[in-house]
Protein backbone atom coordinates (compact mmCIF):
# COMPACT_ATOMS: atom_id res chain seq x y z
CA UNK A 1 43.62 11.48 -26.50
CA UNK A 2 40.48 11.35 -25.18
CA UNK A 3 39.26 7.27 -24.71
CA UNK A 4 37.26 6.04 -26.66
CA UNK A 5 33.78 4.89 -25.93
CA UNK A 6 33.28 1.32 -25.19
CA UNK A 7 28.78 1.40 -26.12
CA UNK A 8 26.67 1.20 -28.20
CA UNK A 9 25.12 5.19 -29.47
CA UNK A 10 21.71 5.53 -27.14
CA UNK A 11 19.66 4.35 -30.72
CA UNK A 12 17.81 7.84 -31.77
CA UNK A 13 14.11 7.80 -30.16
CA UNK A 14 11.56 7.74 -32.43
CA UNK A 15 7.65 7.71 -32.91
CA UNK A 16 5.95 5.01 -32.33
CA UNK A 17 1.94 3.66 -32.20
CA UNK A 18 0.20 1.33 -28.62
CA UNK A 19 -2.72 -0.10 -29.23
CA UNK A 20 -4.96 0.24 -25.77
CA UNK A 21 -5.44 -2.93 -24.09
CA UNK A 22 -7.06 -4.29 -20.71
CA UNK A 23 -5.09 -3.32 -19.16
CA UNK A 24 -5.22 0.78 -19.61
CA UNK A 25 -8.71 1.16 -21.03
CA UNK A 26 -10.40 4.00 -18.95
CA UNK A 27 -7.05 5.78 -17.89
CA UNK A 28 -6.85 8.95 -18.56
CA UNK A 29 -4.56 9.62 -21.49
CA UNK A 30 -1.55 11.71 -19.44
CA UNK A 31 -1.70 8.90 -16.23
CA UNK A 32 -1.02 6.27 -18.59
CA UNK A 33 1.72 8.79 -20.88
CA UNK A 34 3.97 9.19 -17.69
CA UNK A 35 3.44 5.60 -16.82
CA UNK A 36 5.04 4.62 -20.03
CA UNK A 37 6.70 7.59 -20.52
CA UNK A 38 9.42 6.18 -17.04
CA UNK A 39 12.10 9.40 -16.66
CA UNK A 40 10.16 11.69 -18.78
CA UNK A 41 9.65 15.39 -16.69
CA UNK A 42 5.60 16.00 -16.20
CA UNK A 43 6.38 19.23 -17.68
CA UNK A 44 7.87 17.63 -21.59
CA UNK A 45 4.44 14.58 -20.61
CA UNK A 46 1.66 17.31 -21.28
CA UNK A 47 3.63 20.21 -23.45
CA UNK A 48 3.43 16.90 -26.17
CA UNK A 49 0.18 16.32 -25.50
CA UNK A 50 -0.59 20.73 -25.57
CA UNK A 51 1.36 20.79 -29.10
CA UNK A 52 -0.57 17.64 -30.76
CA UNK A 53 2.08 15.40 -30.89
CA UNK A 54 0.58 12.70 -29.15
CA UNK A 55 -2.88 11.58 -31.07
CA UNK A 56 -5.09 9.19 -30.46
CA UNK A 57 -7.00 7.28 -33.48
CA UNK A 58 -5.56 9.59 -35.62
CA UNK A 59 -6.56 12.70 -33.88
CA UNK A 60 -5.62 15.60 -30.91
CA UNK A 61 -6.36 14.28 -27.55
CA UNK A 62 -6.61 16.41 -24.21
CA UNK A 63 -4.46 14.61 -20.83
CA UNK A 64 -8.03 13.89 -19.31
CA UNK A 65 -9.30 11.75 -22.89
CA UNK A 66 -10.51 8.31 -21.19
CA UNK A 67 -7.89 6.01 -23.16
CA UNK A 68 -10.89 2.76 -24.51
CA UNK A 69 -10.03 -0.77 -25.77
CA UNK A 70 -8.05 -1.23 -28.76
CA UNK A 71 -7.49 2.97 -29.42
CA UNK A 72 -4.03 3.75 -30.90
CA UNK A 73 -2.07 6.68 -29.44
CA UNK A 74 0.78 8.04 -31.72
CA UNK A 75 3.81 8.48 -29.27
CA UNK A 76 6.11 10.52 -30.34
CA UNK A 77 9.64 10.60 -30.44
CA UNK A 78 10.91 10.95 -26.80
CA UNK A 79 13.70 10.49 -25.30
CA UNK A 80 13.75 8.00 -21.65
CA UNK A 81 15.48 7.42 -19.16
CA UNK A 82 18.25 4.39 -19.68
CA UNK A 83 17.61 2.00 -18.14
CA UNK A 84 18.76 1.53 -13.90
CA UNK A 85 21.65 -0.60 -13.56
CA UNK A 86 20.06 -2.02 -10.21
CA UNK A 87 18.83 -5.07 -10.35
CA UNK A 88 15.23 -6.67 -11.51
CA UNK A 89 13.19 -7.21 -8.63
CA UNK A 90 12.45 -10.43 -7.60
CA UNK A 91 10.20 -13.08 -8.88
CA UNK A 92 8.12 -13.97 -5.51
CA UNK A 93 4.60 -15.38 -5.56
CA UNK A 94 2.82 -14.37 -1.59
CA UNK A 95 -0.55 -16.40 -0.02
CA UNK A 96 -2.82 -15.94 -1.61
CA UNK A 97 -6.42 -15.68 0.10
CA UNK A 98 -8.65 -15.21 -2.97
CA UNK A 99 -8.00 -15.45 -7.16
CA UNK A 100 -10.66 -15.10 -10.14
CA UNK A 101 -9.94 -13.00 -13.30
CA UNK A 102 -10.73 -8.97 -11.60
CA UNK A 103 -8.49 -9.46 -8.62
CA UNK A 104 -6.36 -10.69 -6.24
CA UNK A 105 -5.73 -10.87 -2.03
CA UNK A 106 -3.30 -12.18 -0.66
CA UNK A 107 -1.51 -12.05 2.88
CA UNK A 108 0.89 -9.70 2.46
CA UNK A 109 4.09 -10.77 5.47
CA UNK A 110 5.43 -8.29 7.47
CA UNK A 111 8.54 -6.57 6.12
CA UNK A 112 7.90 -6.78 3.42
CA UNK A 113 6.71 -3.64 1.17
CA UNK A 114 3.48 -3.22 -0.57
CA UNK A 115 5.73 -1.35 -3.75
CA UNK A 116 9.35 -0.27 -4.30
CA UNK A 117 10.18 3.88 -3.57
CA UNK A 118 11.98 5.88 -0.40
CA UNK A 119 15.66 2.94 -0.33
CA UNK A 120 12.89 0.02 -0.68
CA UNK A 121 14.27 -1.77 -4.31
CA UNK A 122 10.63 -3.37 -4.79
CA UNK A 123 7.50 -4.21 -3.03
CA UNK A 124 4.71 -6.85 -3.63
CA UNK A 125 4.30 -5.82 -6.27
CA UNK A 126 6.41 -5.48 -8.34
CA UNK A 127 7.69 -8.96 -6.51
CA UNK A 128 4.10 -10.34 -7.87
CA UNK A 129 4.58 -9.03 -11.65
CA UNK A 130 8.56 -10.47 -11.90
CA UNK A 131 6.56 -12.95 -10.48
CA UNK A 132 3.38 -13.62 -13.12
CA UNK A 133 5.12 -11.20 -16.33
CA UNK A 134 1.73 -12.64 -18.99
CA UNK A 135 -0.66 -10.97 -16.34
CA UNK A 136 -1.68 -7.73 -18.30
CA UNK A 137 -1.66 -5.32 -14.80
CA UNK A 138 -1.61 -6.31 -12.08
CA UNK A 139 -2.17 -3.05 -9.65
CA UNK A 140 -2.26 -1.45 -5.13
CA UNK A 141 -5.78 -1.32 -5.25
CA UNK A 142 -4.79 -0.11 -1.05
CA UNK A 143 -1.51 -0.28 1.21
CA UNK A 144 -0.97 -1.50 4.48
CA UNK A 145 2.64 -0.67 6.53
CA UNK A 146 5.74 -2.43 6.16
CA UNK A 147 5.27 -4.06 8.93
CA UNK A 148 2.12 -3.81 8.64
CA UNK A 149 0.88 -7.37 7.94
CA UNK A 150 -2.40 -9.10 6.37
CA UNK A 151 -4.98 -9.13 4.05
CA UNK A 152 -4.08 -6.85 0.37
CA UNK A 153 -5.95 -6.27 -2.82
CA UNK A 154 -4.61 -6.27 -6.07
CA UNK A 155 -6.93 -5.34 -9.36
CA UNK A 156 -6.41 -7.14 -12.04
CA UNK A 157 -8.04 -5.27 -14.75
CA UNK A 158 -8.36 -1.57 -14.95
CA UNK A 159 -11.99 -1.46 -13.86
CA UNK A 160 -11.73 -3.39 -11.20
CA UNK A 161 -10.15 -0.55 -9.78
CA UNK A 162 -11.32 1.93 -10.33
CA UNK A 163 -14.44 0.16 -8.19
CA UNK A 164 -12.59 -1.22 -5.46
CA UNK A 165 -10.35 1.91 -5.18
CA UNK A 166 -14.00 3.37 -4.38
CA UNK A 167 -14.76 1.92 -2.07
CA UNK A 168 -12.48 2.61 -0.59
CA UNK A 169 -12.57 5.60 -0.36
CA UNK A 170 -16.51 6.22 0.07
CA UNK A 171 -15.25 3.98 3.16
CA UNK A 172 -18.04 1.37 2.25
CA UNK A 173 -15.48 -0.79 2.93
CA UNK A 174 -14.91 -2.91 6.78
CA UNK A 175 -11.50 -3.34 7.55
CA UNK A 176 -10.34 -4.59 10.53
CA UNK A 177 -7.21 -5.11 11.93
CA UNK A 178 -5.94 -7.30 14.99
CA UNK A 179 -3.61 -4.76 17.57
CA UNK A 180 -1.65 -5.76 20.52
CA UNK A 181 -0.63 -3.36 23.07
CA UNK A 182 0.68 -2.78 25.94
CA UNK A 183 -0.85 -1.61 28.94
CA UNK A 184 -4.31 -2.92 29.95
CA UNK A 185 -7.01 -0.79 27.73
CA UNK A 186 -10.35 -0.12 29.45
CA UNK A 187 -13.25 -1.46 27.52
CA UNK A 188 -15.43 1.29 28.16
CA UNK A 189 -12.82 2.69 25.39
CA UNK A 190 -14.48 1.83 21.81
CA UNK A 191 -14.49 4.83 19.59
CA UNK A 192 -11.63 7.56 19.25
CA UNK A 193 -12.57 10.16 17.53
CA UNK A 194 -8.74 12.07 17.14
CA UNK A 195 -7.80 14.68 14.41
CA UNK A 196 -4.14 13.37 12.84
CA UNK A 197 -1.52 15.67 10.92
CA UNK A 198 0.72 13.98 8.95
CA UNK A 199 4.17 15.50 8.05
CA UNK A 200 7.77 14.72 7.60
CA UNK A 201 10.45 15.37 10.38
CA UNK A 202 13.86 16.46 10.11
CA UNK A 203 15.31 14.08 8.26
CA UNK A 204 12.44 13.22 5.48
CA UNK A 205 10.80 10.13 7.39
CA UNK A 206 6.89 10.80 7.47
CA UNK A 207 4.89 10.71 10.54
CA UNK A 208 1.46 11.92 12.09
CA UNK A 209 1.00 13.44 15.48
CA UNK A 210 -2.32 13.82 17.14
CA UNK A 211 -3.95 16.56 16.84
CA UNK A 212 -6.89 19.48 18.26
CA UNK A 213 -9.93 19.08 16.47
CA UNK A 214 -9.54 22.16 15.30
CA UNK A 215 -5.96 22.17 13.58
CA UNK A 216 -5.70 24.25 10.64
CA UNK A 217 -4.16 20.55 8.38
CA UNK A 218 -5.63 18.14 10.59
CA UNK A 219 -8.34 15.34 9.26
CA UNK A 220 -10.76 14.04 11.29
CA UNK A 221 -9.96 10.47 11.98
CA UNK A 222 -12.02 7.60 13.29
CA UNK A 223 -11.02 4.34 15.22
CA UNK A 224 -13.40 1.48 17.19
CA UNK A 225 -12.17 -1.12 19.05
CA UNK A 226 -13.31 -4.02 21.26
CA UNK A 227 -10.79 -5.10 23.31
CA UNK A 228 -10.84 -8.66 21.87
CA UNK A 229 -8.32 -10.74 25.07
CA UNK A 230 -6.28 -9.30 28.28
CA UNK A 231 -3.80 -10.69 29.62
CA UNK A 232 -1.02 -9.74 32.39
CA UNK A 233 0.56 -6.32 30.48
CA UNK A 234 -1.35 -6.48 27.07
CA UNK A 235 -4.49 -6.72 25.57
CA UNK A 236 -5.54 -7.82 22.32
CA UNK A 237 -7.53 -5.58 20.10
CA UNK A 238 -9.43 -5.35 17.49
CA UNK A 239 -9.03 -3.04 15.90
CA UNK A 240 -11.60 -1.29 12.66
CA UNK A 241 -11.08 1.51 10.57
CA UNK A 242 -13.17 4.73 9.59
CA UNK A 243 -11.27 6.31 8.25
CA UNK A 244 -7.45 5.26 6.62
CA UNK A 245 -5.12 8.09 7.07
CA UNK A 246 -1.26 7.29 7.60
CA UNK A 247 -0.44 5.36 10.47
CA UNK A 248 -4.80 5.39 12.36
CA UNK A 249 -4.30 3.07 14.28
CA UNK A 250 -0.93 3.30 15.60
CA UNK A 251 -0.59 6.91 16.42
CA UNK A 252 -4.75 6.09 17.89
CA UNK A 253 -3.74 3.93 19.63
CA UNK A 254 -0.34 5.57 21.33
CA UNK A 255 -2.24 8.16 21.92
CA UNK A 256 -4.12 6.59 24.63
CA UNK A 257 -1.44 6.13 26.62
CA UNK A 258 -1.62 2.27 24.90
CA UNK A 259 1.21 2.16 22.01
CA UNK A 260 1.16 -1.29 19.54
CA UNK A 261 3.88 -4.17 20.46
CA UNK A 262 6.80 -3.83 18.73
CA UNK A 263 5.50 -0.32 16.96
CA UNK A 264 9.24 1.06 16.28
CA UNK A 265 7.70 4.54 15.22
CA UNK A 266 4.97 5.25 18.14
CA UNK A 267 5.69 2.55 20.64
CA UNK A 268 7.26 2.06 23.61
CA UNK A 269 10.64 1.44 23.30
CA UNK A 270 11.61 0.57 26.19
CA UNK A 271 9.56 -2.50 25.85
CA UNK A 272 9.85 -3.01 22.73
CA UNK A 273 13.55 -3.88 23.53
CA UNK A 274 12.82 -6.94 25.99
CA UNK A 275 10.30 -8.07 23.72
CA UNK A 276 12.94 -8.76 20.88
CA UNK A 277 15.67 -9.59 23.86
CA UNK A 278 12.66 -12.42 25.25
CA UNK A 279 13.44 -10.11 28.48
CA UNK A 280 10.04 -8.93 28.82
CA UNK A 281 7.86 -12.51 28.27
CA UNK A 282 9.12 -15.36 29.95
CA UNK A 283 12.48 -16.20 26.90
CA UNK A 284 9.98 -15.92 24.51
CA UNK A 285 11.11 -12.92 21.66
CA UNK A 286 8.86 -10.87 19.84
CA UNK A 287 10.38 -8.42 17.38
CA UNK A 288 8.63 -7.40 14.92
CA UNK A 289 5.50 -5.17 15.08
CA UNK A 290 1.70 -6.59 16.10
CA UNK A 291 -0.72 -5.48 13.59
CA UNK A 292 -1.93 -8.00 11.04
CA UNK A 293 -5.19 -6.45 9.05
CA UNK A 294 -7.36 -10.41 9.50
CA UNK A 295 -10.81 -9.41 7.44
CA UNK A 296 -12.14 -7.41 4.51
CA UNK A 297 -14.98 -6.61 3.40
CA UNK A 298 -16.41 -5.34 0.64
CA UNK A 299 -18.76 -5.14 -3.02
CA UNK A 300 -16.58 -7.39 -5.67
CA UNK A 301 -16.26 -5.22 -8.81
CA UNK A 302 -18.03 -6.86 -10.84
CA UNK A 303 -20.70 -9.09 -9.63
CA UNK A 304 -22.36 -6.80 -6.99
CA UNK A 305 -21.48 -9.59 -4.50
CA UNK A 306 -20.46 -8.90 -0.98
CA UNK A 307 -16.45 -10.85 -0.50
CA UNK A 308 -14.85 -11.44 3.20
CA UNK A 309 -12.96 -12.11 3.48
CA UNK A 310 -9.86 -13.25 6.16
CA UNK A 311 -6.56 -14.28 6.75
CA UNK A 312 -5.15 -15.94 10.30
CA UNK A 313 -3.03 -14.43 12.95
CA UNK A 314 0.30 -14.90 11.82
CA UNK A 315 2.34 -18.08 13.00
CA UNK A 316 4.69 -15.90 14.95
CA UNK A 317 1.77 -13.81 16.02
CA UNK A 318 0.03 -16.44 17.24
CA UNK A 319 2.40 -18.01 18.99
CA UNK A 320 3.61 -14.66 21.11
CA UNK A 321 -0.78 -15.27 22.10
CA UNK A 322 -0.20 -17.96 22.94
CA UNK A 323 2.71 -17.66 25.72
CA UNK A 324 1.03 -14.88 26.83
CA UNK A 325 -1.92 -16.31 26.99
CA UNK A 326 0.22 -18.71 29.61
CA UNK A 327 1.05 -16.15 31.94
């Protein structure tokens, strides 16, 4: 005799109506539904739109319909995936560098992903949403590698998100990083204009490599480099990116023969190991990647005012630079 089920039967999906608030204003209908109906295949979302089952203000709408404040969206009966038993993201605030009603800039610590996925249960954005349950809208404007610390922009309104992302796409922002590289960087080497190609390893890990400019899958990438301070075996650089490719700074600097200290993907593994053990520099241990987004310049999405933000070096990086200056 089969065992009796102890769980309650799942409720049957029903038609419901959603009113568009400030957080969803200006969003395409298809993107709005994909986010709302988590677990529903995109093909099904597009099918219910095409069939007319989804209505906006009681009328048919297309996938690219832009939603306006106060619109009423009819959602047909759709069975969504049951919620995972995975624990919710922990609520966490991060050091605030700037905040107003349109945007938030935080100083992200190294070792924290900006969002969950690829084996990471949660990141900055999920933890911030948990910490701010009344916030109607919080979305990442751009990204930083998990290992990179520094300035991270988050939009608090969709209008701000669209405007800021357009600035990033148009390269109208100034992003400067502090990077400590192994060896003596030649002061004359100020511009790196080397194409990059993104690929997956056999294990499915995302990687990037430098390629010739005529490589069919290469994308032109430009990095500006200025020597900030030289030490016996390392150089502290100010790095400004003119293009925003994945792992751009890390690969460009490593390709020049001067990888970033502590970079586990593209660095000098023997030096990294010695740094982590405290064997490389006077018994001082350093076990993170020394790449920090220290400066960010952009136009405010609402006022047009030029905003320039700075985040000082994290304590562990500052301490390491101090030790290097003594050698």
